[in-house]
Amino acid sequence: MGLNTVAVLYNDFNFERQPDLGRRIHDAMRSWSWRDRDHLATHFGAGMVISQAHADYTQIVAVGRNTGKPISEANDLDLFALEQMKECMERHGYKVTKRRTARSA
């Protein structure tokens, strides 16, 4: 099968004057790795590669603020994203509740 790559594209980037953009995207996809994914090589001017996985697997990513990350690394999600995740889990039969915090004495 191969690999699937997830990338964020910046809609406000001027794509018309970028004859080498395809090559830069290709280079970013090829240089991406879990170990070096925060390296500038994953940025290609008009966006950045945020995840890669074998085509047999599902990738879940969070995208916002002109960046993104795999859901397993998303520690700063806003309430809107958390609510979407909650609804998805409930559609799959899970009960989702927020953990109670201990009251201060």
PDB file of N, CA and C in Angstrom:
ATOM      1  N   MET A   1       0.810  -1.197   0.000  1.00  0.00           N
ATOM      2  CA  MET A   1       0.000   0.000   0.000  1.00  0.00           C
ATOM      3  C   MET A   1       0.851   1.259   0.000  1.00  0.00           C
ATOM      4  N   GLY A   2       1.662   1.511   1.006  1.00  0.00           N
ATOM      5  CA  GLY A   2       2.462   2.724   1.069  1.00  0.00           C
ATOM      6  C   GLY A   2       2.105   3.567   2.265  1.00  0.00           C
ATOM      7  N   LEU A   3       2.480   4.818   2.187  1.00  0.00           N
ATOM      8  CA  LEU A   3       2.242   5.758   3.279  1.00  0.00           C
ATOM      9  C   LEU A   3       1.247   6.824   2.864  1.00  0.00           C
ATOM     10  N   ASN A   4       0.525   7.351   3.854  1.00  0.00           N
ATOM     11  CA  ASN A   4      -0.310   8.533   3.675  1.00  0.00           C
ATOM     12  C   ASN A   4       0.299   9.648   4.503  1.00  0.00           C
ATOM     13  N   THR A   5       0.321  10.842   3.942  1.00  0.00           N
ATOM     14  CA  THR A   5       0.892  12.003   4.612  1.00  0.00           C
ATOM     15  C   THR A   5      -0.207  13.024   4.860  1.00  0.00           C
ATOM     16  N   VAL A   6      -0.229  13.597   6.069  1.00  0.00           N
ATOM     17  CA  VAL A   6      -1.165  14.661   6.417  1.00  0.00           C
ATOM     18  C   VAL A   6      -0.359  15.955   6.497  1.00  0.00           C
ATOM     19  N   ALA A   7      -0.840  16.972   5.795  1.00  0.00           N
ATOM     20  CA  ALA A   7      -0.154  18.260   5.796  1.00  0.00           C
ATOM     21  C   ALA A   7      -1.166  19.377   5.986  1.00  0.00           C
ATOM     22  N   VAL A   8      -0.733  20.456   6.593  1.00  0.00           N
ATOM     23  CA  VAL A   8      -1.531  21.675   6.713  1.00  0.00           C
ATOM     24  C   VAL A   8      -1.093  22.592   5.580  1.00  0.00           C
ATOM     25  N   LEU A   9      -2.045  23.078   4.801  1.00  0.00           N
ATOM     26  CA  LEU A   9      -1.761  24.051   3.747  1.00  0.00           C
ATOM     27  C   LEU A   9      -2.290  25.410   4.176  1.00  0.00           C
ATOM     28  N   TYR A  10      -1.496  26.436   3.978  1.00  0.00           N
ATOM     29  CA  TYR A  10      -1.905  27.792   4.332  1.00  0.00           C
ATOM     30  C   TYR A  10      -2.677  28.403   3.166  1.00  0.00           C
ATOM     31  N   ASN A  11      -3.973  28.626   3.341  1.00  0.00           N
ATOM     32  CA  ASN A  11      -4.814  29.136   2.265  1.00  0.00           C
ATOM     33  C   ASN A  11      -4.405  30.518   1.782  1.00  0.00           C
ATOM     34  N   ASP A  12      -3.787  31.323   2.644  1.00  0.00           N
ATOM     35  CA  ASP A  12      -3.419  32.673   2.237  1.00  0.00           C
ATOM     36  C   ASP A  12      -2.040  32.744   1.582  1.00  0.00           C
ATOM     37  N   PHE A  13      -1.410  31.609   1.337  1.00  0.00           N
ATOM     38  CA  PHE A  13      -0.122  31.568   0.661  1.00  0.00           C
ATOM     39  C   PHE A  13      -0.325  31.857  -0.823  1.00  0.00           C
ATOM     40  N   ASN A  14       0.585  32.583  -1.452  1.00  0.00           N
ATOM     41  CA  ASN A  14       0.498  32.894  -2.873  1.00  0.00           C
ATOM     42  C   ASN A  14       1.029  31.706  -3.676  1.00  0.00           C
ATOM     43  N   PHE A  15       0.124  30.847  -4.116  1.00  0.00           N
ATOM     44  CA  PHE A  15       0.512  29.634  -4.829  1.00  0.00           C
ATOM     45  C   PHE A  15       0.873  29.902  -6.292  1.00  0.00           C
ATOM     46  N   GLU A  16       0.438  31.019  -6.845  1.00  0.00           N
ATOM     47  CA  GLU A  16       0.616  31.275  -8.274  1.00  0.00           C
ATOM     48  C   GLU A  16       2.076  31.416  -8.687  1.00  0.00           C
ATOM     49  N   ARG A  17       2.903  31.939  -7.830  1.00  0.00           N
ATOM     50  CA  ARG A  17       4.308  32.184  -8.188  1.00  0.00           C
ATOM     51  C   ARG A  17       5.246  31.180  -7.526  1.00  0.00           C
ATOM     52  N   GLN A  18       4.830  29.953  -7.443  1.00  0.00           N
ATOM     53  CA  GLN A  18       5.623  28.930  -6.769  1.00  0.00           C
ATOM     54  C   GLN A  18       5.814  27.716  -7.673  1.00  0.00           C
ATOM     55  N   PRO A  19       6.645  27.834  -8.695  1.00  0.00           N
ATOM     56  CA  PRO A  19       6.814  26.708  -9.622  1.00  0.00           C
ATOM     57  C   PRO A  19       7.456  25.482  -8.979  1.00  0.00           C
ATOM     58  N   ASP A  20       8.174  25.662  -7.885  1.00  0.00           N
ATOM     59  CA  ASP A  20       8.846  24.538  -7.246  1.00  0.00           C
ATOM     60  C   ASP A  20       8.103  24.014  -6.024  1.00  0.00           C
ATOM     61  N   LEU A  21       6.864  24.448  -5.819  1.00  0.00           N
ATOM     62  CA  LEU A  21       6.118  24.063  -4.625  1.00  0.00           C
ATOM     63  C   LEU A  21       5.921  22.552  -4.547  1.00  0.00           C
ATOM     64  N   GLY A  22       5.591  21.919  -5.647  1.00  0.00           N
ATOM     65  CA  GLY A  22       5.408  20.473  -5.650  1.00  0.00           C
ATOM     66  C   GLY A  22       6.662  19.743  -5.192  1.00  0.00           C
ATOM     67  N   ARG A  23       7.803  20.228  -5.631  1.00  0.00           N
ATOM     68  CA  ARG A  23       9.079  19.629  -5.246  1.00  0.00           C
ATOM     69  C   ARG A  23       9.335  19.824  -3.747  1.00  0.00           C
ATOM     70  N   ARG A  24       9.012  21.020  -3.219  1.00  0.00           N
ATOM     71  CA  ARG A  24       9.215  21.291  -1.790  1.00  0.00           C
ATOM     72  C   ARG A  24       8.292  20.421  -0.937  1.00  0.00           C
ATOM     73  N   ILE A  25       7.040  20.243  -1.383  1.00  0.00           N
ATOM     74  CA  ILE A  25       6.117  19.360  -0.653  1.00  0.00           C
ATOM     75  C   ILE A  25       6.657  17.932  -0.672  1.00  0.00           C
ATOM     76  N   HIS A  26       7.097  17.496  -1.831  1.00  0.00           N
ATOM     77  CA  HIS A  26       7.672  16.151  -1.956  1.00  0.00           C
ATOM     78  C   HIS A  26       8.861  15.974  -1.012  1.00  0.00           C
ATOM     79  N   ASP A  27       9.762  16.940  -0.980  1.00  0.00           N
ATOM     80  CA  ASP A  27      10.934  16.858  -0.107  1.00  0.00           C
ATOM     81  C   ASP A  27      10.526  16.822   1.366  1.00  0.00           C
ATOM     82  N   ALA A  28       9.515  17.611   1.739  1.00  0.00           N
ATOM     83  CA  ALA A  28       9.041  17.619   3.130  1.00  0.00           C
ATOM     84  C   ALA A  28       8.430  16.275   3.504  1.00  0.00           C
ATOM     85  N   MET A  29       7.673  15.682   2.587  1.00  0.00           N
ATOM     86  CA  MET A  29       7.082  14.367   2.846  1.00  0.00           C
ATOM     87  C   MET A  29       8.166  13.313   3.017  1.00  0.00           C
ATOM     88  N   ARG A  30       9.180  13.371   2.176  1.00  0.00           N
ATOM     89  CA  ARG A  30      10.243  12.366   2.214  1.00  0.00           C
ATOM     90  C   ARG A  30      11.146  12.511   3.439  1.00  0.00           C
ATOM     91  N   SER A  31      11.290  13.742   3.941  1.00  0.00           N
ATOM     92  CA  SER A  31      12.195  13.955   5.065  1.00  0.00           C
ATOM     93  C   SER A  31      11.496  13.856   6.415  1.00  0.00           C
ATOM     94  N   TRP A  32      10.164  13.734   6.420  1.00  0.00           N
ATOM     95  CA  TRP A  32       9.419  13.662   7.673  1.00  0.00           C
ATOM     96  C   TRP A  32       9.735  12.355   8.397  1.00  0.00           C
ATOM     97  N   SER A  33       9.881  12.436   9.708  1.00  0.00           N
ATOM     98  CA  SER A  33      10.010  11.241  10.540  1.00  0.00           C
ATOM     99  C   SER A  33       9.480  11.574  11.916  1.00  0.00           C
ATOM    100  N   TRP A  34       9.048  10.559  12.657  1.00  0.00           N
ATOM    101  CA  TRP A  34       8.545  10.802  14.012  1.00  0.00           C
ATOM    102  C   TRP A  34       9.612  11.454  14.867  1.00  0.00           C
ATOM    103  N   ARG A  35      10.845  11.048  14.686  1.00  0.00           N
ATOM    104  CA  ARG A  35      11.934  11.561  15.503  1.00  0.00           C
ATOM    105  C   ARG A  35      12.247  13.029  15.187  1.00  0.00           C
ATOM    106  N   ASP A  36      12.218  13.400  13.904  1.00  0.00           N
ATOM    107  CA  ASP A  36      12.621  14.740  13.485  1.00  0.00           C
ATOM    108  C   ASP A  36      11.465  15.584  12.975  1.00  0.00           C
ATOM    109  N   ARG A  37      10.233  15.288  13.381  1.00  0.00           N
ATOM    110  CA  ARG A  37       9.078  15.945  12.772  1.00  0.00           C
ATOM    111  C   ARG A  37       8.962  17.431  13.082  1.00  0.00           C
ATOM    112  N   ASP A  38       9.639  17.920  14.115  1.00  0.00           N
ATOM    113  CA  ASP A  38       9.592  19.349  14.403  1.00  0.00           C
ATOM    114  C   ASP A  38      10.686  20.116  13.673  1.00  0.00           C
ATOM    115  N   HIS A  39      11.494  19.416  12.909  1.00  0.00           N
ATOM    116  CA  HIS A  39      12.580  20.037  12.170  1.00  0.00           C
ATOM    117  C   HIS A  39      12.015  20.877  11.021  1.00  0.00           C
ATOM    118  N   LEU A  40      12.726  21.913  10.638  1.00  0.00           N
ATOM    119  CA  LEU A  40      12.249  22.799   9.570  1.00  0.00           C
ATOM    120  C   LEU A  40      12.068  22.096   8.232  1.00  0.00           C
ATOM    121  N   ALA A  41      12.658  20.929   8.057  1.00  0.00           N
ATOM    122  CA  ALA A  41      12.508  20.213   6.789  1.00  0.00           C
ATOM    123  C   ALA A  41      11.064  19.846   6.514  1.00  0.00           C
ATOM    124  N   THR A  42      10.230  19.768   7.541  1.00  0.00           N
ATOM    125  CA  THR A  42       8.833  19.415   7.335  1.00  0.00           C
ATOM    126  C   THR A  42       8.006  20.612   6.882  1.00  0.00           C
ATOM    127  N   HIS A  43       8.569  21.816   6.930  1.00  0.00           N
ATOM    128  CA  HIS A  43       7.901  23.021   6.452  1.00  0.00           C
ATOM    129  C   HIS A  43       8.270  23.231   4.984  1.00  0.00           C
ATOM    130  N   PHE A  44       7.291  23.552   4.169  1.00  0.00           N
ATOM    131  CA  PHE A  44       7.570  23.742   2.751  1.00  0.00           C
ATOM    132  C   PHE A  44       7.085  25.093   2.249  1.00  0.00           C
ATOM    133  N   GLY A  45       7.016  26.069   3.134  1.00  0.00           N
ATOM    134  CA  GLY A  45       6.646  27.426   2.738  1.00  0.00           C
ATOM    135  C   GLY A  45       5.150  27.654   2.721  1.00  0.00           C
ATOM    136  N   ALA A  46       4.419  26.798   2.046  1.00  0.00           N
ATOM    137  CA  ALA A  46       2.970  26.921   1.937  1.00  0.00           C
ATOM    138  C   ALA A  46       2.258  26.063   2.970  1.00  0.00           C
ATOM    139  N   GLY A  47       3.008  25.483   3.895  1.00  0.00           N
ATOM    140  CA  GLY A  47       2.425  24.620   4.907  1.00  0.00           C
ATOM    141  C   GLY A  47       3.475  23.741   5.534  1.00  0.00           C
ATOM    142  N   MET A  48       3.003  22.678   6.175  1.00  0.00           N
ATOM    143  CA  MET A  48       3.917  21.767   6.848  1.00  0.00           C
ATOM    144  C   MET A  48       3.326  20.370   6.940  1.00  0.00           C
ATOM    145  N   VAL A  49       4.181  19.371   6.920  1.00  0.00           N
ATOM    146  CA  VAL A  49       3.781  17.985   7.116  1.00  0.00           C
ATOM    147  C   VAL A  49       3.628  17.763   8.616  1.00  0.00           C
ATOM    148  N   ILE A  50       2.514  17.179   9.041  1.00  0.00           N
ATOM    149  CA  ILE A  50       2.298  16.976  10.471  1.00  0.00           C
ATOM    150  C   ILE A  50       2.199  15.510  10.879  1.00  0.00           C
ATOM    151  N   SER A  51       1.962  14.622   9.935  1.00  0.00           N
ATOM    152  CA  SER A  51       1.828  13.219  10.313  1.00  0.00           C
ATOM    153  C   SER A  51       2.005  12.335   9.091  1.00  0.00           C
ATOM    154  N   GLN A  52       2.469  11.123   9.343  1.00  0.00           N
ATOM    155  CA  GLN A  52       2.585  10.107   8.309  1.00  0.00           C
ATOM    156  C   GLN A  52       2.315   8.761   8.933  1.00  0.00           C
ATOM    157  N   ALA A  53       1.655   7.901   8.187  1.00  0.00           N
ATOM    158  CA  ALA A  53       1.409   6.542   8.673  1.00  0.00           C
ATOM    159  C   ALA A  53       1.188   5.629   7.475  1.00  0.00           C
ATOM    160  N   HIS A  54       1.324   4.354   7.720  1.00  0.00           N
ATOM    161  CA  HIS A  54       1.048   3.369   6.681  1.00  0.00           C
ATOM    162  C   HIS A  54      -0.408   3.520   6.245  1.00  0.00           C
ATOM    163  N   ALA A  55      -0.660   3.292   4.987  1.00  0.00           N
ATOM    164  CA  ALA A  55      -2.002   3.486   4.433  1.00  0.00           C
ATOM    165  C   ALA A  55      -3.053   2.574   5.058  1.00  0.00           C
ATOM    166  N   ASP A  56      -2.655   1.505   5.717  1.00  0.00           N
ATOM    167  CA  ASP A  56      -3.611   0.614   6.377  1.00  0.00           C
ATOM    168  C   ASP A  56      -4.117   1.168   7.702  1.00  0.00           C
ATOM    169  N   TYR A  57      -3.500   2.233   8.218  1.00  0.00           N
ATOM    170  CA  TYR A  57      -3.852   2.779   9.520  1.00  0.00           C
ATOM    171  C   TYR A  57      -4.586   4.109   9.381  1.00  0.00           C
ATOM    172  N   THR A  58      -5.420   4.423  10.366  1.00  0.00           N
ATOM    173  CA  THR A  58      -6.122   5.691  10.420  1.00  0.00           C
ATOM    174  C   THR A  58      -5.275   6.679  11.212  1.00  0.00           C
ATOM    175  N   GLN A  59      -5.146   7.895  10.696  1.00  0.00           N
ATOM    176  CA  GLN A  59      -4.447   8.962  11.407  1.00  0.00           C
ATOM    177  C   GLN A  59      -5.483   9.954  11.915  1.00  0.00           C
ATOM    178  N   ILE A  60      -5.395  10.300  13.176  1.00  0.00           N
ATOM    179  CA  ILE A  60      -6.261  11.328  13.736  1.00  0.00           C
ATOM    180  C   ILE A  60      -5.356  12.476  14.142  1.00  0.00           C
ATOM    181  N   VAL A  61      -5.631  13.657  13.571  1.00  0.00           N
ATOM    182  CA  VAL A  61      -4.796  14.826  13.833  1.00  0.00           C
ATOM    183  C   VAL A  61      -5.666  15.994  14.268  1.00  0.00           C
ATOM    184  N   ALA A  62      -5.059  16.898  15.002  1.00  0.00           N
ATOM    185  CA  ALA A  62      -5.715  18.146  15.391  1.00  0.00           C
ATOM    186  C   ALA A  62      -5.015  19.267  14.638  1.00  0.00           C
ATOM    187  N   VAL A  63      -5.788  20.117  13.984  1.00  0.00           N
ATOM    188  CA  VAL A  63      -5.231  21.196  13.176  1.00  0.00           C
ATOM    189  C   VAL A  63      -5.798  22.519  13.656  1.00  0.00           C
ATOM    190  N   GLY A  64      -4.914  23.476  13.860  1.00  0.00           N
ATOM    191  CA  GLY A  64      -5.319  24.822  14.258  1.00  0.00           C
ATOM    192  C   GLY A  64      -4.101  25.711  14.440  1.00  0.00           C
ATOM    193  N   ARG A  65      -4.329  27.007  14.372  1.00  0.00           N
ATOM    194  CA  ARG A  65      -3.258  27.990  14.554  1.00  0.00           C
ATOM    195  C   ARG A  65      -2.104  27.783  13.575  1.00  0.00           C
ATOM    196  N   ASN A  66      -2.419  27.453  12.328  1.00  0.00           N
ATOM    197  CA  ASN A  66      -1.437  27.230  11.260  1.00  0.00           C
ATOM    198  C   ASN A  66      -0.451  26.108  11.553  1.00  0.00           C
ATOM    199  N   THR A  67      -0.883  25.152  12.349  1.00  0.00           N
ATOM    200  CA  THR A  67      -0.047  24.000  12.641  1.00  0.00           C
ATOM    201  C   THR A  67      -0.949  22.810  12.934  1.00  0.00           C
ATOM    202  N   GLY A  68      -0.374  21.721  13.297  1.00  0.00           N
ATOM    203  CA  GLY A  68      -1.148  20.546  13.648  1.00  0.00           C
ATOM    204  C   GLY A  68      -0.269  19.530  14.322  1.00  0.00           C
ATOM    205  N   LYS A  69      -0.907  18.512  14.873  1.00  0.00           N
ATOM    206  CA  LYS A  69      -0.172  17.440  15.539  1.00  0.00           C
ATOM    207  C   LYS A  69      -1.058  16.216  15.625  1.00  0.00           C
ATOM    208  N   PRO A  70      -0.442  15.042  15.737  1.00  0.00           N
ATOM    209  CA  PRO A  70      -1.238  13.835  15.960  1.00  0.00           C
ATOM    210  C   PRO A  70      -2.031  13.977  17.258  1.00  0.00           C
ATOM    211  N   ILE A  71      -3.203  13.402  17.306  1.00  0.00           N
ATOM    212  CA  ILE A  71      -4.080  13.552  18.460  1.00  0.00           C
ATOM    213  C   ILE A  71      -3.417  13.057  19.742  1.00  0.00           C
ATOM    214  N   SER A  72      -2.526  12.098  19.634  1.00  0.00           N
ATOM    215  CA  SER A  72      -1.846  11.583  20.826  1.00  0.00           C
ATOM    216  C   SER A  72      -0.932  12.618  21.470  1.00  0.00           C
ATOM    217  N   GLU A  73      -0.613  13.685  20.738  1.00  0.00           N
ATOM    218  CA  GLU A  73       0.246  14.744  21.269  1.00  0.00           C
ATOM    219  C   GLU A  73      -0.506  16.046  21.525  1.00  0.00           C
ATOM    220  N   ALA A  74      -1.809  16.047  21.330  1.00  0.00           N
ATOM    221  CA  ALA A  74      -2.607  17.267  21.452  1.00  0.00           C
ATOM    222  C   ALA A  74      -3.002  17.494  22.907  1.00  0.00           C
ATOM    223  N   ASN A  75      -2.203  18.246  23.623  1.00  0.00           N
ATOM    224  CA  ASN A  75      -2.439  18.500  25.040  1.00  0.00           C
ATOM    225  C   ASN A  75      -3.068  19.860  25.316  1.00  0.00           C
ATOM    226  N   ASP A  76      -3.343  20.630  24.284  1.00  0.00           N
ATOM    227  CA  ASP A  76      -3.833  21.993  24.483  1.00  0.00           C
ATOM    228  C   ASP A  76      -5.064  22.289  23.616  1.00  0.00           C
ATOM    229  N   LEU A  77      -5.960  21.333  23.480  1.00  0.00           N
ATOM    230  CA  LEU A  77      -7.133  21.502  22.632  1.00  0.00           C
ATOM    231  C   LEU A  77      -8.140  22.457  23.268  1.00  0.00           C
ATOM    232  N   ASP A  78      -8.829  23.200  22.406  1.00  0.00           N
ATOM    233  CA  ASP A  78      -9.873  24.090  22.910  1.00  0.00           C
ATOM    234  C   ASP A  78     -11.156  23.298  23.162  1.00  0.00           C
ATOM    235  N   LEU A  79     -12.131  23.949  23.780  1.00  0.00           N
ATOM    236  CA  LEU A  79     -13.379  23.264  24.146  1.00  0.00           C
ATOM    237  C   LEU A  79     -14.141  22.752  22.935  1.00  0.00           C
ATOM    238  N   PHE A  80     -14.082  23.469  21.821  1.00  0.00           N
ATOM    239  CA  PHE A  80     -14.779  23.037  20.609  1.00  0.00           C
ATOM    240  C   PHE A  80     -14.232  21.685  20.139  1.00  0.00           C
ATOM    241  N   ALA A  81     -12.911  21.552  20.080  1.00  0.00           N
ATOM    242  CA  ALA A  81     -12.305  20.285  19.650  1.00  0.00           C
ATOM    243  C   ALA A  81     -12.607  19.162  20.639  1.00  0.00           C
ATOM    244  N   LEU A  82     -12.547  19.474  21.926  1.00  0.00           N
ATOM    245  CA  LEU A  82     -12.844  18.461  22.935  1.00  0.00           C
ATOM    246  C   LEU A  82     -14.284  17.979  22.838  1.00  0.00           C
ATOM    247  N   GLU A  83     -15.199  18.876  22.563  1.00  0.00           N
ATOM    248  CA  GLU A  83     -16.610  18.491  22.408  1.00  0.00           C
ATOM    249  C   GLU A  83     -16.789  17.597  21.178  1.00  0.00           C
ATOM    250  N   GLN A  84     -16.088  17.911  20.089  1.00  0.00           N
ATOM    251  CA  GLN A  84     -16.156  17.061  18.904  1.00  0.00           C
ATOM    252  C   GLN A  84     -15.640  15.658  19.211  1.00  0.00           C
ATOM    253  N   MET A  85     -14.552  15.579  19.950  1.00  0.00           N
ATOM    254  CA  MET A  85     -14.010  14.267  20.322  1.00  0.00           C
ATOM    255  C   MET A  85     -14.981  13.515  21.208  1.00  0.00           C
ATOM    256  N   LYS A  86     -15.597  14.210  22.147  1.00  0.00           N
ATOM    257  CA  LYS A  86     -16.576  13.593  23.046  1.00  0.00           C
ATOM    258  C   LYS A  86     -17.739  13.016  22.248  1.00  0.00           C
ATOM    259  N   GLU A  87     -18.270  13.788  21.308  1.00  0.00           N
ATOM    260  CA  GLU A  87     -19.391  13.321  20.494  1.00  0.00           C
ATOM    261  C   GLU A  87     -18.994  12.112  19.654  1.00  0.00           C
ATOM    262  N   CYS A  88     -17.794  12.112  19.130  1.00  0.00           N
ATOM    263  CA  CYS A  88     -17.311  10.972  18.347  1.00  0.00           C
ATOM    264  C   CYS A  88     -17.229   9.722  19.216  1.00  0.00           C
ATOM    265  N   MET A  89     -16.655   9.857  20.402  1.00  0.00           N
ATOM    266  CA  MET A  89     -16.543   8.710  21.305  1.00  0.00           C
ATOM    267  C   MET A  89     -17.919   8.185  21.698  1.00  0.00           C
ATOM    268  N   GLU A  90     -18.870   9.084  21.954  1.00  0.00           N
ATOM    269  CA  GLU A  90     -20.220   8.658  22.333  1.00  0.00           C
ATOM    270  C   GLU A  90     -20.916   7.943  21.180  1.00  0.00           C
ATOM    271  N   ARG A  91     -20.677   8.371  19.942  1.00  0.00           N
ATOM    272  CA  ARG A  91     -21.248   7.674  18.780  1.00  0.00           C
ATOM    273  C   ARG A  91     -20.700   6.256  18.670  1.00  0.00           C
ATOM    274  N   HIS A  92     -19.525   6.037  19.226  1.00  0.00           N
ATOM    275  CA  HIS A  92     -18.909   4.714  19.203  1.00  0.00           C
ATOM    276  C   HIS A  92     -19.208   3.913  20.461  1.00  0.00           C
ATOM    277  N   GLY A  93     -20.121   4.406  21.291  1.00  0.00           N
ATOM    278  CA  GLY A  93     -20.577   3.645  22.438  1.00  0.00           C
ATOM    279  C   GLY A  93     -19.859   3.913  23.745  1.00  0.00           C
ATOM    280  N   TYR A  94     -18.967   4.881  23.779  1.00  0.00           N
ATOM    281  CA  TYR A  94     -18.252   5.193  25.017  1.00  0.00           C
ATOM    282  C   TYR A  94     -18.986   6.271  25.800  1.00  0.00           C
ATOM    283  N   LYS A  95     -18.827   6.227  27.101  1.00  0.00           N
ATOM    284  CA  LYS A  95     -19.340   7.287  27.950  1.00  0.00           C
ATOM    285  C   LYS A  95     -18.146   8.167  28.322  1.00  0.00           C
ATOM    286  N   VAL A  96     -18.259   9.456  28.053  1.00  0.00           N
ATOM    287  CA  VAL A  96     -17.136  10.361  28.265  1.00  0.00           C
ATOM    288  C   VAL A  96     -17.533  11.402  29.290  1.00  0.00           C
ATOM    289  N   THR A  97     -16.744  11.491  30.355  1.00  0.00           N
ATOM    290  CA  THR A  97     -16.973  12.520  31.378  1.00  0.00           C
ATOM    291  C   THR A  97     -15.639  13.144  31.742  1.00  0.00           C
ATOM    292  N   LYS A  98     -15.699  14.367  32.162  1.00  0.00           N
ATOM    293  CA  LYS A  98     -14.486  15.057  32.585  1.00  0.00           C
ATOM    294  C   LYS A  98     -14.113  14.574  33.981  1.00  0.00           C
ATOM    295  N   ARG A  99     -12.842  14.354  34.202  1.00  0.00           N
ATOM    296  CA  ARG A  99     -12.354  13.916  35.501  1.00  0.00           C
ATOM    297  C   ARG A  99     -12.558  15.029  36.529  1.00  0.00           C
ATOM    298  N   ARG A 100     -13.028  14.657  37.685  1.00  0.00           N
ATOM    299  CA  ARG A 100     -13.198  15.637  38.768  1.00  0.00           C
ATOM    300  C   ARG A 100     -11.837  16.013  39.332  1.00  0.00           C
ATOM    301  N   THR A 101     -11.704  17.265  39.668  1.00  0.00           N
ATOM    302  CA  THR A 101     -10.472  17.703  40.323  1.00  0.00           C
ATOM    303  C   THR A 101     -10.692  17.688  41.824  1.00  0.00           C
ATOM    304  N   ALA A 102      -9.638  17.444  42.574  1.00  0.00           N
ATOM    305  CA  ALA A 102      -9.736  17.409  44.038  1.00  0.00           C
ATOM    306  C   ALA A 102      -9.971  18.823  44.564  1.00  0.00           C
ATOM    307  N   ARG A 103     -10.880  18.932  45.507  1.00  0.00           N
ATOM    308  CA  ARG A 103     -11.129  20.227  46.117  1.00  0.00           C
ATOM    309  C   ARG A 103      -9.992  20.598  47.068  1.00  0.00           C
ATOM    310  N   SER A 104      -9.654  21.863  47.052  1.00  0.00           N
ATOM    311  CA  SER A 104      -8.595  22.287  47.975  1.00  0.00           C
ATOM    312  C   SER A 104      -9.172  22.433  49.372  1.00  0.00           C
ATOM    313  N   ALA A 105      -8.389  22.054  50.372  1.00  0.00           N
ATOM    314  CA  ALA A 105      -8.875  22.049  51.766  1.00  0.00           C
ATOM    315  C   ALA A 105      -8.837  23.403  52.383  1.00  0.00           C
TER     316      ALA A 105
END
